[in-house]
Amino acid sequence: MIRILAESALQLLFVLPIVLLTLKNRKLETVKILVAFTAFYLLNQVLLYLPFIYPDLKISNWNINWNWSGKTYAIIGALLFLAVYRKFPVSDYFLNFKQDRQFLKQGISLVIIILIIQSIVAFFSPSKSVNFETLFFQFTMPGINEEIAYRGIMLGLLVKILKSKNLILNPALWITSILFGMAHGFFLTKDFNIIFDFQPFTVTMIYGLLWGWITLKSRSILLALISHNLVNGMMNLIQMR
């Protein structure tokens, strides 16, 4: 547990300078929202690793190849956070199905382009054996957990306290995307040695930027969630050729 907390704290420290430089103000209310953001990030990370730290907490016979239990706990944790921290309506976290109609066609087009590019990359990637658990997991869990957490709650909180000149340079967008990349490419070993894997960090950060931009433009995580699961699922499906 200490290792996971230390790992998550280091990831947060990495983006701390951006946070401090772009705060709208240093009022008590802003600090409280920043504390809520930090607490949620730590909660999400701990819940994801909980079944590995305490194997008895694994749900039934899940987790054959994938972290079903951790993802489930993280989703439940996000819902509990929203239930307890009721400062803002869920729409402020982009947790709604209503889309900005002016952006809808553009958003769907972007999702299709992302899917086509990822499918081409997957086609030229090493093949793997067919695994239905992998397909079921990748078509469902990553998008639900990570979009609610990163493009939903975390992005929604940071947008309220960080100043932004335009959408492309939006610090909330970049911070959540960097943390998304760090969660996939920055780790501490059992001996507390740092492992930084540049490739998954970069790829997931870029996807985080794309899905975050779509979320901010559409005012909903729906397109990002659908795109996320389709990208993960189709990549694995194509590789199982």
Protein backbone atom coordinates (compact mmCIF):
# COMPACT_ATOMS: atom_id res chain seq x y z
CA MET A 1 0.00 0.00 0.00
CA ILE A 2 2.83 2.41 0.86
CA ARG A 3 4.45 1.76 -2.53
CA ILE A 4 1.21 2.53 -4.39
CA LEU A 5 0.68 5.74 -2.43
CA ALA A 6 4.30 6.78 -3.01
CA GLU A 7 4.01 6.00 -6.72
CA SER A 8 0.80 8.02 -7.02
CA ALA A 9 2.27 10.89 -5.00
CA LEU A 10 5.28 11.08 -7.33
CA GLN A 11 2.95 11.16 -10.34
CA LEU A 12 1.07 14.06 -8.76
CA LEU A 13 4.31 15.87 -7.93
CA PHE A 14 5.25 15.67 -11.61
CA VAL A 15 2.28 17.87 -12.57
CA LEU A 16 2.33 20.07 -9.45
CA PRO A 17 4.32 22.91 -11.10
CA ILE A 18 1.69 23.20 -13.85
CA VAL A 19 -1.05 23.31 -11.22
CA LEU A 20 0.68 26.03 -9.18
CA LEU A 21 1.45 28.14 -12.23
CA THR A 22 -2.09 28.05 -13.60
CA LEU A 23 -4.26 28.37 -10.48
CA LYS A 24 -6.98 31.00 -10.91
CA ASN A 25 -6.46 32.10 -7.33
CA ARG A 26 -5.28 30.83 -3.95
CA LYS A 27 -8.54 31.19 -2.08
CA LEU A 28 -9.58 28.57 0.45
CA GLU A 29 -12.31 27.25 -1.86
CA THR A 30 -9.75 26.62 -4.61
CA VAL A 31 -7.48 24.78 -2.18
CA LYS A 32 -10.40 22.58 -1.08
CA ILE A 33 -11.16 21.59 -4.67
CA LEU A 34 -7.47 20.84 -5.26
CA VAL A 35 -7.45 18.64 -2.15
CA ALA A 36 -10.54 16.82 -3.45
CA PHE A 37 -8.79 16.26 -6.78
CA THR A 38 -5.68 14.89 -5.05
CA ALA A 39 -7.74 12.65 -2.76
CA PHE A 40 -9.69 11.24 -5.68
CA TYR A 41 -6.56 10.48 -7.71
CA LEU A 42 -5.01 8.63 -4.78
CA LEU A 43 -8.29 6.80 -4.12
CA ASN A 44 -8.60 5.70 -7.74
CA GLN A 45 -5.02 4.40 -7.85
CA VAL A 46 -5.30 2.53 -4.54
CA LEU A 47 -8.58 0.87 -5.50
CA LEU A 48 -7.11 -0.31 -8.81
CA TYR A 49 -4.27 -2.08 -7.00
CA LEU A 50 -6.33 -3.27 -4.01
CA PRO A 51 -6.86 -6.86 -5.29
CA PHE A 52 -3.10 -7.25 -5.80
CA ILE A 53 -2.31 -5.97 -2.31
CA TYR A 54 -5.07 -8.03 -0.68
CA PRO A 55 -5.79 -11.08 -2.90
CA ASP A 56 -8.77 -12.03 -0.73
CA LEU A 57 -10.55 -8.96 -2.11
CA LYS A 58 -10.64 -10.38 -5.62
CA ILE A 59 -14.22 -10.73 -6.79
CA SER A 60 -15.10 -14.41 -7.27
CA ASN A 61 -12.98 -16.05 -9.98
CA TRP A 62 -12.42 -12.85 -11.93
CA ASN A 63 -8.94 -11.55 -12.69
CA ILE A 64 -7.93 -14.55 -14.80
CA ASN A 65 -5.91 -12.33 -17.12
CA TRP A 66 -7.15 -8.84 -16.34
CA ASN A 67 -7.83 -6.66 -13.30
CA TRP A 68 -11.62 -6.95 -13.27
CA SER A 69 -11.81 -6.51 -9.50
CA GLY A 70 -9.59 -3.43 -9.37
CA LYS A 71 -11.50 -1.75 -12.18
CA THR A 72 -14.79 -2.58 -10.46
CA TYR A 73 -13.59 -1.14 -7.15
CA ALA A 74 -12.34 2.00 -8.90
CA ILE A 75 -15.70 2.53 -10.62
CA ILE A 76 -17.52 2.05 -7.32
CA GLY A 77 -15.05 4.41 -5.67
CA ALA A 78 -15.77 7.09 -8.27
CA LEU A 79 -19.51 6.76 -7.69
CA LEU A 80 -19.02 6.97 -3.93
CA PHE A 81 -16.85 10.07 -4.37
CA LEU A 82 -19.65 11.72 -6.34
CA ALA A 83 -22.16 10.71 -3.69
CA VAL A 84 -20.07 12.09 -0.82
CA TYR A 85 -18.50 15.14 -2.49
CA ARG A 86 -21.72 16.74 -3.68
CA LYS A 87 -20.35 20.21 -4.28
CA PHE A 88 -21.09 20.22 -8.02
CA PRO A 89 -23.76 18.61 -10.22
CA VAL A 90 -22.63 15.54 -12.20
CA SER A 91 -22.93 17.53 -15.42
CA ASP A 92 -19.96 19.61 -14.24
CA TYR A 93 -17.95 16.39 -14.43
CA PHE A 94 -19.20 15.81 -17.99
CA LEU A 95 -21.07 12.73 -16.75
CA ASN A 96 -24.09 13.02 -19.01
CA PHE A 97 -25.26 11.75 -22.37
CA LYS A 98 -26.26 15.16 -23.72
CA GLN A 99 -23.92 16.28 -26.49
CA ASP A 100 -23.07 19.68 -27.90
CA ARG A 101 -24.96 19.36 -31.21
CA GLN A 102 -22.63 21.71 -33.06
CA PHE A 103 -19.69 19.44 -32.22
CA LEU A 104 -21.42 16.07 -32.54
CA LYS A 105 -20.62 15.38 -36.22
CA GLN A 106 -17.06 16.59 -35.79
CA GLY A 107 -16.67 14.46 -32.67
CA ILE A 108 -17.97 11.31 -34.33
CA SER A 109 -15.67 11.93 -37.30
CA LEU A 110 -12.68 12.26 -34.98
CA VAL A 111 -13.61 9.05 -33.16
CA ILE A 112 -13.77 7.21 -36.51
CA ILE A 113 -10.38 8.62 -37.55
CA ILE A 114 -8.81 7.54 -34.24
CA LEU A 115 -10.28 4.07 -34.67
CA ILE A 116 -9.00 3.73 -38.25
CA ILE A 117 -5.48 4.81 -37.27
CA GLN A 118 -5.39 2.43 -34.32
CA SER A 119 -6.72 -0.42 -36.46
CA ILE A 120 -3.93 0.11 -39.00
CA VAL A 121 -1.33 0.12 -36.21
CA ALA A 122 -2.84 -3.05 -34.75
CA PHE A 123 -2.82 -4.79 -38.14
CA PHE A 124 0.94 -4.34 -38.42
CA SER A 125 1.55 -5.28 -34.77
CA PRO A 126 2.50 -8.81 -33.64
CA SER A 127 -0.45 -11.20 -33.64
CA LYS A 128 -1.76 -12.89 -30.52
CA SER A 129 -3.95 -15.87 -29.75
CA VAL A 130 -7.70 -15.48 -29.43
CA ASN A 131 -8.80 -14.70 -25.88
CA PHE A 132 -12.45 -13.89 -25.28
CA GLU A 133 -11.84 -12.61 -21.77
CA THR A 134 -9.40 -10.06 -23.15
CA LEU A 135 -11.91 -8.90 -25.75
CA PHE A 136 -14.73 -8.61 -23.22
CA PHE A 137 -12.52 -6.70 -20.80
CA GLN A 138 -11.05 -4.31 -23.38
CA PHE A 139 -14.42 -3.53 -24.96
CA THR A 140 -15.89 -2.58 -21.57
CA MET A 141 -13.84 -1.83 -18.46
CA PRO A 142 -11.01 0.58 -19.43
CA GLY A 143 -13.32 3.18 -20.92
CA ILE A 144 -15.80 3.08 -18.06
CA ASN A 145 -13.22 3.36 -15.29
CA GLU A 146 -10.71 5.70 -16.90
CA GLU A 147 -13.10 8.07 -18.64
CA ILE A 148 -15.19 8.58 -15.50
CA ALA A 149 -11.98 9.16 -13.52
CA TYR A 150 -9.75 11.18 -15.87
CA ARG A 151 -12.04 12.91 -18.36
CA GLY A 152 -14.90 13.05 -15.87
CA ILE A 153 -14.13 13.77 -12.22
CA MET A 154 -10.50 14.91 -12.47
CA LEU A 155 -10.94 17.06 -15.56
CA GLY A 156 -14.15 18.52 -14.15
CA LEU A 157 -12.46 19.53 -10.88
CA LEU A 158 -9.37 21.04 -12.49
CA VAL A 159 -11.35 23.07 -15.02
CA LYS A 160 -12.90 24.93 -12.08
CA ILE A 161 -9.64 26.04 -10.50
CA LEU A 162 -7.15 26.43 -13.36
CA LYS A 163 -7.06 29.35 -15.78
CA SER A 164 -6.91 28.69 -19.49
CA LYS A 165 -6.40 30.96 -22.49
CA ASN A 166 -7.67 28.42 -25.03
CA LEU A 167 -8.74 24.80 -25.32
CA ILE A 168 -5.47 23.50 -26.79
CA LEU A 169 -3.39 24.96 -23.95
CA ASN A 170 -5.95 24.13 -21.28
CA PRO A 171 -3.85 23.11 -18.23
CA ALA A 172 -6.61 20.84 -16.91
CA LEU A 173 -6.52 18.93 -20.20
CA TRP A 174 -2.73 18.56 -20.12
CA ILE A 175 -2.51 17.63 -16.44
CA THR A 176 -5.12 14.87 -16.68
CA SER A 177 -3.49 13.59 -19.87
CA ILE A 178 -0.02 13.54 -18.32
CA LEU A 179 -1.36 11.72 -15.26
CA PHE A 180 -3.13 9.28 -17.60
CA GLY A 181 0.20 8.62 -19.29
CA MET A 182 2.02 8.34 -15.96
CA ALA A 183 -0.49 5.76 -14.72
CA HIS A 184 0.49 3.59 -17.70
CA GLY A 185 4.20 4.29 -17.87
CA PHE A 186 5.56 5.38 -14.48
CA PHE A 187 5.92 2.84 -11.68
CA LEU A 188 7.80 2.05 -8.50
CA THR A 189 9.22 -1.44 -8.01
CA LYS A 190 8.96 -3.30 -4.71
CA ASP A 191 12.40 -1.87 -3.92
CA PHE A 192 11.09 1.64 -4.67
CA ASN A 193 13.12 1.99 -7.84
CA ILE A 194 11.57 4.15 -10.56
CA ILE A 195 10.55 2.59 -13.87
CA PHE A 196 9.61 4.97 -16.67
CA ASP A 197 8.38 3.39 -19.89
CA PHE A 198 8.36 6.18 -22.48
CA GLN A 199 6.31 4.42 -25.18
CA PRO A 200 3.13 3.62 -23.19
CA PHE A 201 3.41 6.96 -21.38
CA THR A 202 3.50 8.89 -24.66
CA VAL A 203 0.78 6.89 -26.41
CA THR A 204 -1.66 7.05 -23.50
CA MET A 205 -0.94 10.75 -22.92
CA ILE A 206 -1.76 11.50 -26.58
CA TYR A 207 -4.98 9.52 -26.32
CA GLY A 208 -5.73 11.38 -23.10
CA LEU A 209 -5.34 14.69 -24.93
CA LEU A 210 -7.64 13.56 -27.75
CA TRP A 211 -10.32 12.16 -25.44
CA GLY A 212 -10.04 15.14 -23.10
CA TRP A 213 -10.42 17.56 -26.01
CA ILE A 214 -13.48 15.65 -27.25
CA THR A 215 -14.95 15.75 -23.74
CA LEU A 216 -14.42 19.49 -23.34
CA LYS A 217 -15.89 20.21 -26.78
CA SER A 218 -18.88 17.89 -26.43
CA ARG A 219 -19.40 18.60 -22.70
CA SER A 220 -19.78 14.85 -22.13
CA ILE A 221 -17.53 11.82 -21.66
CA LEU A 222 -19.80 9.70 -23.86
CA LEU A 223 -17.84 9.95 -27.13
CA ALA A 224 -14.53 9.57 -25.30
CA LEU A 225 -15.79 6.50 -23.45
CA ILE A 226 -17.07 4.86 -26.63
CA SER A 227 -13.85 5.71 -28.49
CA HIS A 228 -11.69 4.42 -25.63
CA ASN A 229 -13.38 1.02 -25.51
CA LEU A 230 -13.50 0.68 -29.30
CA VAL A 231 -9.79 1.51 -29.63
CA ASN A 232 -8.80 -0.98 -26.92
CA GLY A 233 -11.17 -3.68 -28.12
CA MET A 234 -10.51 -3.38 -31.85
CA MET A 235 -6.76 -3.28 -31.32
CA ASN A 236 -6.89 -6.63 -29.54
CA LEU A 237 -9.45 -8.09 -31.93
CA ILE A 238 -7.37 -7.25 -35.01
CA GLN A 239 -4.22 -8.65 -33.40
CA MET A 240 -6.05 -11.95 -32.81
CA ARG A 241 -6.03 -12.64 -36.55
